[in-house]
């Protein structure tokens, strides 16, 4: 399943509408929308633009080229001079809190959905790292090393 397929299905579910209703609004048959959502067919550019407008996201987000719904990138000035250790800690704490809440609700499905969402997000980040520097995406500078571990992913 492609990023597009996964994102298209996720946005429809987020909006809490049926595949039939979304297909009607987007001007395609339910069968064709199902094929797009399951990665069996690839849409044309006009459908991608209609779907992006319909769900209120950018085409880059819909295609998996941006993690921001509006398609924006993080400005360089925001990346420099930030306390990355604090940000990392906050991200880990927030993820742990979400999983704890899901577990306290005793919903295996909710826990699974959250874990799946995190897995997709982490996968996308690795893809962005690779796209930025295919030859050296596993290298890290000394200031960004986490504890004593290396930055290279195991094979």
Protein backbone atom coordinates (compact mmCIF):
# COMPACT_ATOMS: atom_id res chain seq x y z
CA UNK A 1 0.00 0.00 0.00
CA UNK A 2 1.38 3.41 -0.95
CA UNK A 3 1.50 6.55 1.18
CA UNK A 4 -1.23 7.98 -1.03
CA UNK A 5 -3.55 5.01 -0.49
CA UNK A 6 -2.99 4.93 3.25
CA UNK A 7 -3.42 8.70 3.63
CA UNK A 8 -6.54 8.80 1.43
CA UNK A 9 -8.24 6.10 3.51
CA UNK A 10 -7.11 7.68 6.80
CA UNK A 11 -8.48 11.11 5.85
CA UNK A 12 -11.85 9.63 4.92
CA UNK A 13 -12.05 7.74 8.21
CA UNK A 14 -10.99 10.87 10.10
CA UNK A 15 -13.87 12.73 8.48
CA UNK A 16 -16.17 9.85 9.52
CA UNK A 17 -17.80 9.47 6.14
CA UNK A 18 -18.55 6.36 4.15
CA UNK A 19 -16.62 5.38 1.08
CA UNK A 20 -19.83 5.79 -0.93
CA UNK A 21 -20.34 9.38 0.29
CA UNK A 22 -16.71 10.35 -0.32
CA UNK A 23 -16.79 8.79 -3.80
CA UNK A 24 -19.93 10.76 -4.66
CA UNK A 25 -18.42 14.01 -3.39
CA UNK A 26 -15.20 13.36 -5.30
CA UNK A 27 -16.98 12.44 -8.54
CA UNK A 28 -15.80 8.83 -8.80
CA UNK A 29 -17.45 5.47 -8.28
CA UNK A 30 -17.20 3.73 -4.92
CA UNK A 31 -15.33 0.87 -6.60
CA UNK A 32 -12.71 3.26 -8.01
CA UNK A 33 -12.26 5.01 -4.65
CA UNK A 34 -11.85 1.58 -3.04
CA UNK A 35 -9.16 0.73 -5.58
CA UNK A 36 -7.35 4.01 -4.81
CA UNK A 37 -7.57 3.41 -1.04
CA UNK A 38 -6.31 -0.17 -1.38
CA UNK A 39 -3.49 0.75 -3.76
CA UNK A 40 -4.89 -1.26 -6.66
CA UNK A 41 -5.10 1.77 -8.97
CA UNK A 42 -3.26 5.06 -9.15
CA UNK A 43 -5.27 8.23 -9.67
CA UNK A 44 -4.68 10.96 -12.17
CA UNK A 45 -3.52 14.43 -11.19
CA UNK A 46 -7.03 15.91 -11.32
CA UNK A 47 -8.28 13.40 -8.72
CA UNK A 48 -5.30 14.09 -6.43
CA UNK A 49 -6.08 17.82 -6.55
CA UNK A 50 -9.83 17.23 -5.93
CA UNK A 51 -9.09 14.92 -3.00
CA UNK A 52 -6.61 17.37 -1.48
CA UNK A 53 -9.17 20.18 -1.72
CA UNK A 54 -11.94 17.94 -0.37
CA UNK A 55 -9.95 16.90 2.70
CA UNK A 56 -8.33 20.30 3.22
CA UNK A 57 -4.74 19.11 2.84
CA UNK A 58 -1.95 19.74 0.37
CA UNK A 59 -1.20 17.42 -2.53
CA UNK A 60 2.26 16.89 -1.02
CA UNK A 61 0.68 15.63 2.20
CA UNK A 62 -1.75 13.40 0.33
CA UNK A 63 1.11 11.91 -1.72
CA UNK A 64 3.32 11.39 1.34
CA UNK A 65 5.89 14.02 0.38
CA UNK A 66 5.23 16.22 3.43
CA UNK A 67 4.34 15.38 7.00
CA UNK A 68 2.56 18.73 7.40
CA UNK A 69 -1.04 18.80 6.21
CA UNK A 70 -0.48 22.18 4.59
CA UNK A 71 2.61 20.86 2.78
CA UNK A 72 4.97 23.23 4.56
CA UNK A 73 8.46 22.34 5.66
CA UNK A 74 10.03 23.19 8.98
CA UNK A 75 11.93 26.49 8.54
CA UNK A 76 15.70 26.21 9.00
CA UNK A 77 15.69 28.87 11.73
CA UNK A 78 13.32 26.73 13.80
CA UNK A 79 15.66 23.76 13.55
CA UNK A 80 18.73 25.68 14.69
CA UNK A 81 19.19 26.60 18.31
CA UNK A 82 16.35 24.48 19.67
CA UNK A 83 16.77 22.35 22.73
CA UNK A 84 16.48 19.04 20.92
CA UNK A 85 17.00 16.99 24.08
CA UNK A 86 13.94 18.63 25.66
CA UNK A 87 11.90 18.19 22.45
CA UNK A 88 12.89 14.52 22.22
CA UNK A 89 11.90 13.99 25.84
CA UNK A 90 8.53 15.69 25.30
CA UNK A 91 7.81 13.59 22.22
CA UNK A 92 8.63 10.34 24.02
CA UNK A 93 6.54 11.38 27.04
CA UNK A 94 3.58 12.32 24.83
CA UNK A 95 3.74 9.01 22.94
CA UNK A 96 3.93 7.07 26.21
CA UNK A 97 0.97 9.02 27.60
CA UNK A 98 -1.16 8.25 24.54
CA UNK A 99 -0.41 4.55 24.85
CA UNK A 100 -1.14 4.59 28.59
CA UNK A 101 -4.51 6.27 28.03
CA UNK A 102 -5.40 3.72 25.34
CA UNK A 103 -4.43 0.87 27.66
CA UNK A 104 -6.46 2.35 30.53
CA UNK A 105 -9.51 2.37 28.27
CA UNK A 106 -8.90 -1.35 27.73
CA UNK A 107 -9.32 -1.00 24.01
CA UNK A 108 -6.97 -3.29 22.10
CA UNK A 109 -8.16 -1.77 18.84
CA UNK A 110 -7.33 1.77 19.99
CA UNK A 111 -3.89 0.69 21.22
CA UNK A 112 -3.28 -1.07 17.91
CA UNK A 113 -4.38 2.00 15.90
CA UNK A 114 -2.05 4.27 17.89
CA UNK A 115 0.87 1.85 17.47
CA UNK A 116 0.14 1.59 13.74
CA UNK A 117 0.01 5.37 13.42
CA UNK A 118 3.38 5.72 15.17
CA UNK A 119 4.85 3.01 12.95
CA UNK A 120 3.73 4.82 9.79
CA UNK A 121 5.03 8.16 11.11
CA UNK A 122 8.43 6.66 11.96
CA UNK A 123 8.60 4.99 8.55
CA UNK A 124 7.87 8.31 6.84
CA UNK A 125 10.60 10.07 8.83
CA UNK A 126 13.10 7.44 7.71
CA UNK A 127 11.97 7.96 4.12
CA UNK A 128 12.48 11.73 4.43
CA UNK A 129 15.94 11.18 5.88
CA UNK A 130 16.81 8.87 3.05
CA UNK A 131 15.44 11.26 0.40
CA UNK A 132 17.50 14.10 1.90
CA UNK A 133 20.79 12.17 1.71
CA UNK A 134 20.56 8.72 0.09
CA UNK A 135 24.30 8.05 0.35
CA UNK A 136 24.69 8.97 3.98
CA UNK A 137 21.28 8.90 5.59
CA UNK A 138 22.50 6.70 8.42
CA UNK A 139 25.32 9.05 9.48
CA UNK A 140 24.80 11.39 12.41
CA UNK A 141 26.84 14.31 13.62
CA UNK A 142 28.32 13.99 17.10
CA UNK A 143 25.92 16.56 18.60
CA UNK A 144 22.87 14.59 17.52
CA UNK A 145 23.90 11.20 18.85
CA UNK A 146 21.50 9.78 21.36
CA UNK A 147 23.37 8.56 24.44
CA UNK A 148 26.13 6.20 23.38
CA UNK A 149 24.19 4.45 20.62
CA UNK A 150 25.08 4.90 16.99
CA UNK A 151 22.67 6.45 14.53
CA UNK A 152 22.84 3.62 12.03
CA UNK A 153 19.82 1.40 11.79
CA UNK A 154 20.41 -2.34 12.08
CA UNK A 155 20.30 -4.17 8.77
